[in-house]
Amino acid sequence: MVKKLLILILLIVAVAIGWVGNRWFTEPTLIAPLPYQIDAKFGTDLDLAQEANVLILGDRLGKSLDPYIKDLVEKLSVKLKDPMRIVNWSRTHENLGRSLHKLKQLKKFPDIILYLGGSEEFYEERFHIQDRKKILENIKMFKDENKSSLIYTFPPLSRFIYHPVKRYQLSADPLKDPGDFTSKYQQMKMEITFKLFDVELEELISLVKEKGSYLVLSTAPINLELKPKKVCLNSTTDSLEQYQRELESKLDKGMHKAALSEIRKLSETSIGNAKTFFLLGRAQLGSGLYEQAQISLKKAASFDCGNTRSHPVFNAIIKKKVSGKGIKLIDFNNIVTRHLGLNELFLAEHFPQEIYYRHYIEELYVTIKEKFKL
């Protein structure tokens, strides 16, 4: 009996050692449970970024600040011996995860780091959907204060705390996600992307704080007047689509007030349908109900199953993160959308009119000036 018990104990010990060894040698050490790995080198860009006083990170929105940087530098450098060094390290199609990866490569951090992105988070795929449950469980563990404290204190423990997932290999250049998926898949993808953005932003905030830099976050302007790209199939029917076409025809003829009550009634039963809320927003805009229109069009953007623009959820995450953390927020979305119905807000699908960029740059100028006590 004793011999059998010893053999059982040895087997249990052997299995435990095997499990620990397997996790140790096959799983990466992670603070945040990001399910992807990026293969990218930055060369001279890295040197420029490290010598910056102000470093801008982001996607096409961050990149769109390029035409304004020269004037901003001149304005800030009036009383300085050497010109203010502002480096825009933003890149088209770059999601927050890629920006965070670049930042981790820096040995020397700039005084101020500005993040203006969140408009291309769905551009490329960054995880294997079959690992969805494990990814969500890992994020839940990261959000658990006790588990995250253990990981921050001793990062190698992450190898044993997080569930193993197949790491998505990202190339140096972002590759466009084909995007031809079922609504169910798209909704699952959106759910994970929102949660990853939250985790990535939390890690960005922690990293910048640890390095002693000052973080400025911006919301992304949302073009609310863009028609939804795709209605989620589980929120529509053939009869609903026919009725929507009839209502849309009325709006096209300028019958906004006549159609408003019908569309409002439809919105009470048409749950999660992007087109219904888009039509409601159009009717409210045409009726001069601008604040109500903004709420409806925001819902339309949120329910869009083919979203290629900035998304209200990312902006909500950003605004929640800055609360009480000493992080400066420049609400670019509010700078633009508070004029909904009063002005033409966007030059192109994703980029606001120049006047709103000027307002944004002025707020950025004041922020930098105050930080450097100029």
Protein backbone atom coordinates (compact mmCIF):
# COMPACT_ATOMS: atom_id res chain seq x y z
CA MET A 1 0.00 0.00 0.00
CA VAL A 2 2.78 2.40 0.96
CA LYS A 3 4.63 1.54 -2.24
CA LYS A 4 1.56 2.31 -4.36
CA LEU A 5 1.08 5.61 -2.55
CA LEU A 6 4.70 6.59 -3.19
CA ILE A 7 4.35 5.74 -6.87
CA LEU A 8 1.18 7.86 -7.06
CA ILE A 9 2.94 10.79 -5.35
CA LEU A 10 5.89 10.49 -7.73
CA LEU A 11 3.55 10.45 -10.72
CA ILE A 12 1.76 13.55 -9.46
CA VAL A 13 5.10 15.31 -8.87
CA ALA A 14 6.34 14.28 -12.33
CA VAL A 15 3.16 15.61 -13.99
CA ALA A 16 3.42 18.87 -12.03
CA ILE A 17 7.09 19.29 -12.99
CA GLY A 18 6.20 18.55 -16.61
CA TRP A 19 3.38 21.11 -16.56
CA VAL A 20 5.58 23.78 -14.96
CA GLY A 21 8.42 23.06 -17.36
CA ASN A 22 6.16 23.15 -20.38
CA ARG A 23 4.64 26.50 -19.34
CA TRP A 24 8.06 27.96 -18.50
CA PHE A 25 9.67 27.08 -21.83
CA THR A 26 6.71 27.55 -24.18
CA GLU A 27 4.78 30.55 -22.78
CA PRO A 28 6.03 34.17 -22.94
CA THR A 29 6.32 36.48 -19.96
CA LEU A 30 3.58 39.08 -20.31
CA ILE A 31 2.21 41.87 -18.19
CA ALA A 32 -0.92 42.30 -20.29
CA PRO A 33 -2.30 39.14 -21.96
CA LEU A 34 -1.96 40.37 -25.54
CA PRO A 35 -2.58 37.47 -27.97
CA TYR A 36 -0.22 38.66 -30.69
CA GLN A 37 3.46 39.16 -31.38
CA ILE A 38 4.86 41.96 -33.55
CA ASP A 39 7.90 41.56 -35.77
CA ALA A 40 9.09 45.10 -36.46
CA LYS A 41 12.33 47.09 -36.36
CA PHE A 42 12.45 50.87 -36.29
CA GLY A 43 16.02 51.97 -37.12
CA THR A 44 16.59 55.73 -37.26
CA ASP A 45 12.96 56.41 -36.31
CA LEU A 46 13.79 55.06 -32.87
CA ASP A 47 16.62 57.57 -32.44
CA LEU A 48 14.40 60.48 -33.50
CA ALA A 49 11.66 59.40 -31.12
CA GLN A 50 14.08 59.15 -28.19
CA GLU A 51 15.35 62.69 -28.75
CA ALA A 52 11.90 64.24 -28.95
CA ASN A 53 10.47 66.64 -26.37
CA VAL A 54 7.00 65.73 -27.58
CA LEU A 55 6.24 62.39 -29.22
CA ILE A 56 3.01 61.80 -31.13
CA LEU A 57 1.69 58.26 -31.51
CA GLY A 58 -1.39 57.09 -33.37
CA ASP A 59 -2.92 56.00 -36.65
CA ARG A 60 -4.12 58.02 -39.66
CA LEU A 61 -5.54 60.64 -37.29
CA GLY A 62 -2.20 61.15 -35.55
CA LYS A 63 -0.52 61.22 -38.96
CA SER A 64 -2.95 63.90 -40.11
CA LEU A 65 -1.34 66.34 -37.64
CA ASP A 66 1.79 66.55 -39.86
CA PRO A 67 0.80 69.81 -41.66
CA TYR A 68 0.41 71.62 -38.34
CA ILE A 69 3.61 70.59 -36.58
CA LYS A 70 5.99 73.13 -38.15
CA ASP A 71 3.86 76.10 -37.05
CA LEU A 72 3.36 74.55 -33.62
CA VAL A 73 7.14 74.15 -33.17
CA GLU A 74 7.77 77.77 -34.21
CA LYS A 75 5.12 79.07 -31.85
CA LEU A 76 6.47 77.05 -28.91
CA SER A 77 10.12 77.86 -29.58
CA VAL A 78 9.93 81.68 -29.49
CA LYS A 79 11.67 81.96 -26.12
CA LEU A 80 13.80 78.84 -26.40
CA LYS A 81 17.49 78.62 -27.24
CA ASP A 82 16.93 75.39 -29.18
CA PRO A 83 13.71 74.64 -31.09
CA MET A 84 11.13 72.40 -29.47
CA ARG A 85 11.51 68.88 -30.88
CA ILE A 86 8.13 67.42 -31.82
CA VAL A 87 8.25 64.05 -33.55
CA ASN A 88 5.17 62.49 -35.12
CA TRP A 89 5.69 58.72 -34.95
CA SER A 90 2.12 58.00 -36.01
CA ARG A 91 1.49 55.67 -38.90
CA THR A 92 -1.49 54.93 -41.11
CA HIS A 93 -3.29 51.66 -40.18
CA GLU A 94 -1.46 51.46 -36.85
CA ASN A 95 -3.55 50.18 -33.96
CA LEU A 96 -2.87 50.96 -30.31
CA GLY A 97 -1.05 47.64 -29.84
CA ARG A 98 1.52 48.61 -32.47
CA SER A 99 1.97 52.07 -30.94
CA LEU A 100 2.51 50.46 -27.54
CA HIS A 101 5.04 48.04 -29.01
CA LYS A 102 7.04 50.94 -30.49
CA LEU A 103 7.00 52.78 -27.20
CA LYS A 104 8.40 49.75 -25.39
CA GLN A 105 11.50 49.90 -27.61
CA LEU A 106 12.52 53.34 -26.32
CA LYS A 107 15.43 53.57 -23.90
CA LYS A 108 14.82 57.27 -23.34
CA PHE A 109 11.29 58.62 -23.05
CA PRO A 110 10.15 62.07 -24.28
CA ASP A 111 8.78 64.61 -21.79
CA ILE A 112 5.31 64.47 -23.34
CA ILE A 113 3.63 61.61 -25.19
CA LEU A 114 0.46 62.32 -27.16
CA TYR A 115 -1.77 59.51 -28.40
CA LEU A 116 -4.26 60.28 -31.17
CA GLY A 117 -5.59 57.05 -32.64
CA GLY A 118 -8.48 54.65 -32.24
CA SER A 119 -9.78 55.06 -35.79
CA GLU A 120 -8.17 51.96 -37.32
CA GLU A 121 -8.39 49.33 -34.59
CA PHE A 122 -10.31 46.97 -36.88
CA TYR A 123 -7.92 47.32 -39.83
CA GLU A 124 -5.92 44.15 -39.15
CA GLU A 125 -6.67 40.92 -37.33
CA ARG A 126 -4.64 40.38 -34.16
CA PHE A 127 -5.94 37.18 -32.64
CA HIS A 128 -7.23 33.73 -33.49
CA ILE A 129 -10.99 33.70 -32.99
CA GLN A 130 -10.94 30.06 -31.85
CA ASP A 131 -9.10 31.29 -28.74
CA ARG A 132 -11.86 33.78 -27.95
CA LYS A 133 -12.86 32.28 -24.58
CA LYS A 134 -9.25 31.99 -23.39
CA ILE A 135 -8.46 35.56 -24.49
CA LEU A 136 -11.48 36.92 -22.61
CA GLU A 137 -10.65 34.85 -19.52
CA ASN A 138 -7.05 36.11 -19.61
CA ILE A 139 -8.27 39.70 -19.81
CA LYS A 140 -10.58 39.03 -16.88
CA MET A 141 -7.60 37.75 -14.86
CA PHE A 142 -5.58 40.83 -15.85
CA LYS A 143 -8.41 42.96 -14.49
CA ASP A 144 -8.40 40.99 -11.22
CA GLU A 145 -6.50 43.17 -8.75
CA ASN A 146 -4.91 40.26 -6.88
CA LYS A 147 -3.74 38.40 -9.98
CA SER A 148 -2.49 41.53 -11.74
CA SER A 149 -0.56 42.56 -8.59
CA LEU A 150 1.21 39.20 -8.65
CA ILE A 151 2.07 39.60 -12.33
CA TYR A 152 3.35 43.18 -11.94
CA THR A 153 5.46 42.10 -8.95
CA PHE A 154 6.87 38.99 -10.60
CA PRO A 155 6.10 39.00 -14.37
CA PRO A 156 7.27 35.38 -15.04
CA LEU A 157 4.23 34.21 -13.03
CA SER A 158 2.14 35.23 -16.06
CA ARG A 159 3.36 32.02 -17.74
CA PHE A 160 1.32 30.06 -15.18
CA ILE A 161 -1.60 32.43 -14.59
CA TYR A 162 -2.74 33.13 -18.16
CA HIS A 163 -4.28 30.45 -20.36
CA PRO A 164 -2.02 29.52 -23.30
CA VAL A 165 -3.26 30.87 -26.64
CA LYS A 166 -1.87 30.60 -30.14
CA ARG A 167 0.00 33.87 -30.65
CA TYR A 168 -0.95 35.81 -33.77
CA GLN A 169 2.17 36.82 -35.69
CA LEU A 170 1.97 40.41 -36.93
CA SER A 171 4.31 41.51 -39.70
CA ALA A 172 6.24 44.78 -39.73
CA ASP A 173 3.54 46.36 -41.92
CA PRO A 174 -0.15 46.10 -40.99
CA LEU A 175 -2.08 43.77 -43.30
CA LYS A 176 -5.71 44.53 -44.04
CA ASP A 177 -8.24 42.13 -42.56
CA PRO A 178 -10.44 40.83 -45.43
CA GLY A 179 -13.47 41.61 -43.29
CA ASP A 180 -15.85 39.31 -45.18
CA PHE A 181 -17.31 37.60 -42.13
CA THR A 182 -20.67 36.62 -40.69
CA SER A 183 -22.30 39.10 -38.32
CA LYS A 184 -21.77 36.72 -35.40
CA TYR A 185 -18.03 36.51 -36.11
CA GLN A 186 -17.80 40.28 -36.58
CA GLN A 187 -19.56 40.95 -33.28
CA MET A 188 -17.22 38.54 -31.46
CA LYS A 189 -14.25 40.23 -33.11
CA MET A 190 -15.50 43.65 -32.04
CA GLU A 191 -15.99 42.45 -28.46
CA ILE A 192 -12.41 41.20 -28.20
CA THR A 193 -10.99 44.28 -29.96
CA PHE A 194 -12.73 46.60 -27.50
CA LYS A 195 -11.37 44.64 -24.54
CA LEU A 196 -7.86 44.50 -26.03
CA PHE A 197 -7.93 48.27 -26.55
CA ASP A 198 -8.81 48.70 -22.88
CA VAL A 199 -5.91 46.45 -21.83
CA GLU A 200 -3.44 48.09 -24.22
CA LEU A 201 -4.42 51.56 -23.03
CA GLU A 202 -4.00 50.51 -19.40
CA GLU A 203 -0.52 49.20 -20.19
CA LEU A 204 0.33 52.39 -22.10
CA ILE A 205 -0.71 54.51 -19.11
CA SER A 206 1.33 52.36 -16.70
CA LEU A 207 4.41 52.43 -18.93
CA VAL A 208 4.36 56.19 -19.43
CA LYS A 209 3.86 56.77 -15.70
CA GLU A 210 6.70 54.38 -14.86
CA LYS A 211 9.06 56.28 -17.20
CA GLY A 212 8.11 59.66 -15.75
CA SER A 213 6.61 61.12 -18.94
CA TYR A 214 3.43 63.18 -19.22
CA LEU A 215 0.65 61.49 -21.17
CA VAL A 216 -1.91 63.31 -23.29
CA LEU A 217 -4.80 61.26 -24.69
CA SER A 218 -7.24 62.35 -27.38
CA THR A 219 -10.62 61.07 -28.41
CA ALA A 220 -11.04 60.37 -32.12
CA PRO A 221 -13.52 62.47 -34.13
CA ILE A 222 -16.41 60.29 -35.31
CA ASN A 223 -18.08 61.13 -38.60
CA LEU A 224 -21.63 60.52 -37.42
CA GLU A 225 -23.13 61.40 -40.80
CA LEU A 226 -21.54 58.37 -42.47
CA LYS A 227 -24.04 55.70 -43.41
CA PRO A 228 -23.36 52.39 -41.58
CA LYS A 229 -21.29 50.04 -43.71
CA LYS A 230 -23.10 46.89 -42.64
CA VAL A 231 -26.18 46.04 -40.60
CA CYS A 232 -25.67 43.03 -38.34
CA LEU A 233 -27.77 40.21 -39.78
CA ASN A 234 -29.15 39.20 -36.39
CA SER A 235 -30.79 42.65 -36.06
CA THR A 236 -32.73 42.76 -39.34
CA THR A 237 -35.38 41.04 -41.45
CA ASP A 238 -36.57 41.37 -45.05
CA SER A 239 -39.73 43.19 -43.96
CA LEU A 240 -37.72 45.59 -41.77
CA GLU A 241 -35.38 46.40 -44.65
CA GLN A 242 -38.34 47.12 -46.93
CA TYR A 243 -39.86 49.45 -44.33
CA GLN A 244 -36.50 51.19 -43.88
CA ARG A 245 -36.30 51.80 -47.64
CA GLU A 246 -39.73 53.45 -47.54
CA LEU A 247 -38.69 55.66 -44.63
CA GLU A 248 -35.38 56.51 -46.30
CA SER A 249 -37.29 57.58 -49.42
CA LYS A 250 -39.31 60.03 -47.32
CA LEU A 251 -36.11 61.49 -45.85
CA ASP A 252 -34.57 61.82 -49.30
CA LYS A 253 -37.61 63.91 -50.27
CA GLY A 254 -37.06 66.20 -47.25
CA MET A 255 -40.01 64.82 -45.27
CA HIS A 256 -38.04 64.73 -42.01
CA LYS A 257 -40.75 65.74 -39.56
CA ALA A 258 -43.34 63.52 -41.23
CA ALA A 259 -41.05 60.47 -40.97
CA LEU A 260 -39.71 61.23 -37.50
CA SER A 261 -42.52 59.72 -35.43
CA GLU A 262 -42.54 56.54 -37.56
CA ILE A 263 -38.79 56.05 -37.24
CA ARG A 264 -38.80 56.82 -33.54
CA LYS A 265 -41.46 54.17 -33.01
CA LEU A 266 -39.46 51.72 -35.13
CA SER A 267 -36.32 52.36 -33.06
CA GLU A 268 -38.14 51.12 -29.94
CA THR A 269 -38.47 47.62 -31.44
CA SER A 270 -35.57 47.54 -33.92
CA ILE A 271 -32.95 46.59 -31.33
CA GLY A 272 -29.30 46.99 -32.34
CA ASN A 273 -30.09 47.91 -35.95
CA ALA A 274 -27.58 50.47 -37.19
CA LYS A 275 -29.68 51.65 -40.13
CA THR A 276 -32.76 52.36 -38.01
CA PHE A 277 -30.79 54.65 -35.71
CA PHE A 278 -29.05 56.25 -38.68
CA LEU A 279 -32.46 57.07 -40.22
CA LEU A 280 -33.65 58.37 -36.85
CA GLY A 281 -30.58 60.62 -36.61
CA ARG A 282 -31.18 61.93 -40.14
CA ALA A 283 -34.81 62.71 -39.32
CA GLN A 284 -33.80 64.50 -36.11
CA LEU A 285 -31.11 66.49 -37.92
CA GLY A 286 -33.60 67.56 -40.57
CA SER A 287 -36.01 68.59 -37.81
CA GLY A 288 -33.40 70.70 -36.02
CA LEU A 289 -33.12 68.32 -33.06
CA TYR A 290 -29.32 68.30 -33.05
CA GLU A 291 -28.64 66.91 -29.57
CA GLN A 292 -31.09 64.05 -30.10
CA ALA A 293 -29.57 63.42 -33.54
CA GLN A 294 -26.12 63.11 -32.05
CA ILE A 295 -27.33 60.42 -29.62
CA SER A 296 -29.08 58.45 -32.39
CA LEU A 297 -26.18 58.70 -34.86
CA LYS A 298 -23.77 57.65 -32.13
CA LYS A 299 -25.88 54.51 -31.63
CA ALA A 300 -25.83 53.90 -35.39
CA ALA A 301 -22.02 54.06 -35.38
CA SER A 302 -21.88 51.75 -32.36
CA PHE A 303 -24.09 49.10 -34.00
CA ASP A 304 -22.31 49.22 -37.39
CA CYS A 305 -21.12 45.68 -38.15
CA GLY A 306 -18.70 46.90 -40.82
CA ASN A 307 -17.14 49.80 -38.97
CA THR A 308 -14.05 51.34 -40.60
CA ARG A 309 -14.15 54.65 -38.73
CA SER A 310 -13.57 55.83 -35.19
CA HIS A 311 -15.88 54.10 -32.72
CA PRO A 312 -17.77 55.50 -29.70
CA VAL A 313 -16.62 52.59 -27.52
CA PHE A 314 -12.92 53.45 -27.97
CA ASN A 315 -13.63 57.08 -27.04
CA ALA A 316 -15.58 55.94 -23.98
CA ILE A 317 -12.66 53.77 -22.87
CA ILE A 318 -10.23 56.68 -23.28
CA LYS A 319 -12.42 59.07 -21.30
CA LYS A 320 -12.89 56.52 -18.52
CA LYS A 321 -9.13 55.90 -18.23
CA VAL A 322 -8.20 59.57 -17.75
CA SER A 323 -10.64 60.07 -14.90
CA GLY A 324 -8.72 60.86 -11.71
CA LYS A 325 -5.35 59.72 -13.06
CA GLY A 326 -3.65 63.03 -13.81
CA ILE A 327 -3.80 62.41 -17.55
CA LYS A 328 -4.61 65.27 -19.90
CA LEU A 329 -7.54 64.66 -22.25
CA ILE A 330 -8.06 66.62 -25.45
CA ASP A 331 -11.58 65.75 -26.54
CA PHE A 332 -11.13 66.06 -30.30
CA ASN A 333 -14.44 64.30 -30.90
CA ASN A 334 -16.31 66.89 -28.87
CA ILE A 335 -14.45 69.74 -30.61
CA VAL A 336 -15.93 68.46 -33.87
CA THR A 337 -19.30 66.83 -33.11
CA ARG A 338 -20.69 69.60 -30.89
CA HIS A 339 -21.22 71.47 -34.18
CA LEU A 340 -23.30 68.64 -35.71
CA GLY A 341 -26.09 70.10 -37.83
CA LEU A 342 -24.57 73.59 -37.73
CA ASN A 343 -21.54 73.18 -40.01
CA GLU A 344 -19.96 70.79 -42.49
CA LEU A 345 -17.80 68.80 -40.08
CA PHE A 346 -15.63 66.53 -42.24
CA LEU A 347 -13.57 67.18 -45.37
CA ALA A 348 -13.27 63.48 -46.09
CA GLU A 349 -14.68 60.32 -44.56
CA HIS A 350 -12.32 60.29 -41.58
CA PHE A 351 -10.75 63.76 -41.35
CA PRO A 352 -12.45 66.86 -39.87
CA GLN A 353 -12.46 70.30 -41.48
CA GLU A 354 -9.29 72.34 -40.96
CA ILE A 355 -11.01 74.72 -38.55
CA TYR A 356 -11.41 71.89 -36.04
CA TYR A 357 -7.78 70.87 -36.43
CA ARG A 358 -6.88 74.46 -35.58
CA HIS A 359 -8.95 74.27 -32.39
CA TYR A 360 -7.28 70.97 -31.50
CA ILE A 361 -3.76 72.30 -32.15
CA GLU A 362 -4.49 75.38 -30.05
CA GLU A 363 -5.47 73.17 -27.10
CA LEU A 364 -2.37 71.05 -27.65
CA TYR A 365 -0.24 74.22 -27.76
CA VAL A 366 -1.64 75.40 -24.41
CA THR A 367 -1.05 71.94 -22.89
CA ILE A 368 2.61 71.80 -24.02
CA LYS A 369 3.24 75.41 -23.01
CA GLU A 370 1.89 74.81 -19.50
CA LYS A 371 3.85 71.59 -19.07
CA PHE A 372 7.16 73.19 -20.06
CA LYS A 373 6.30 76.44 -18.24
CA LEU A 374 6.98 78.51 -21.37
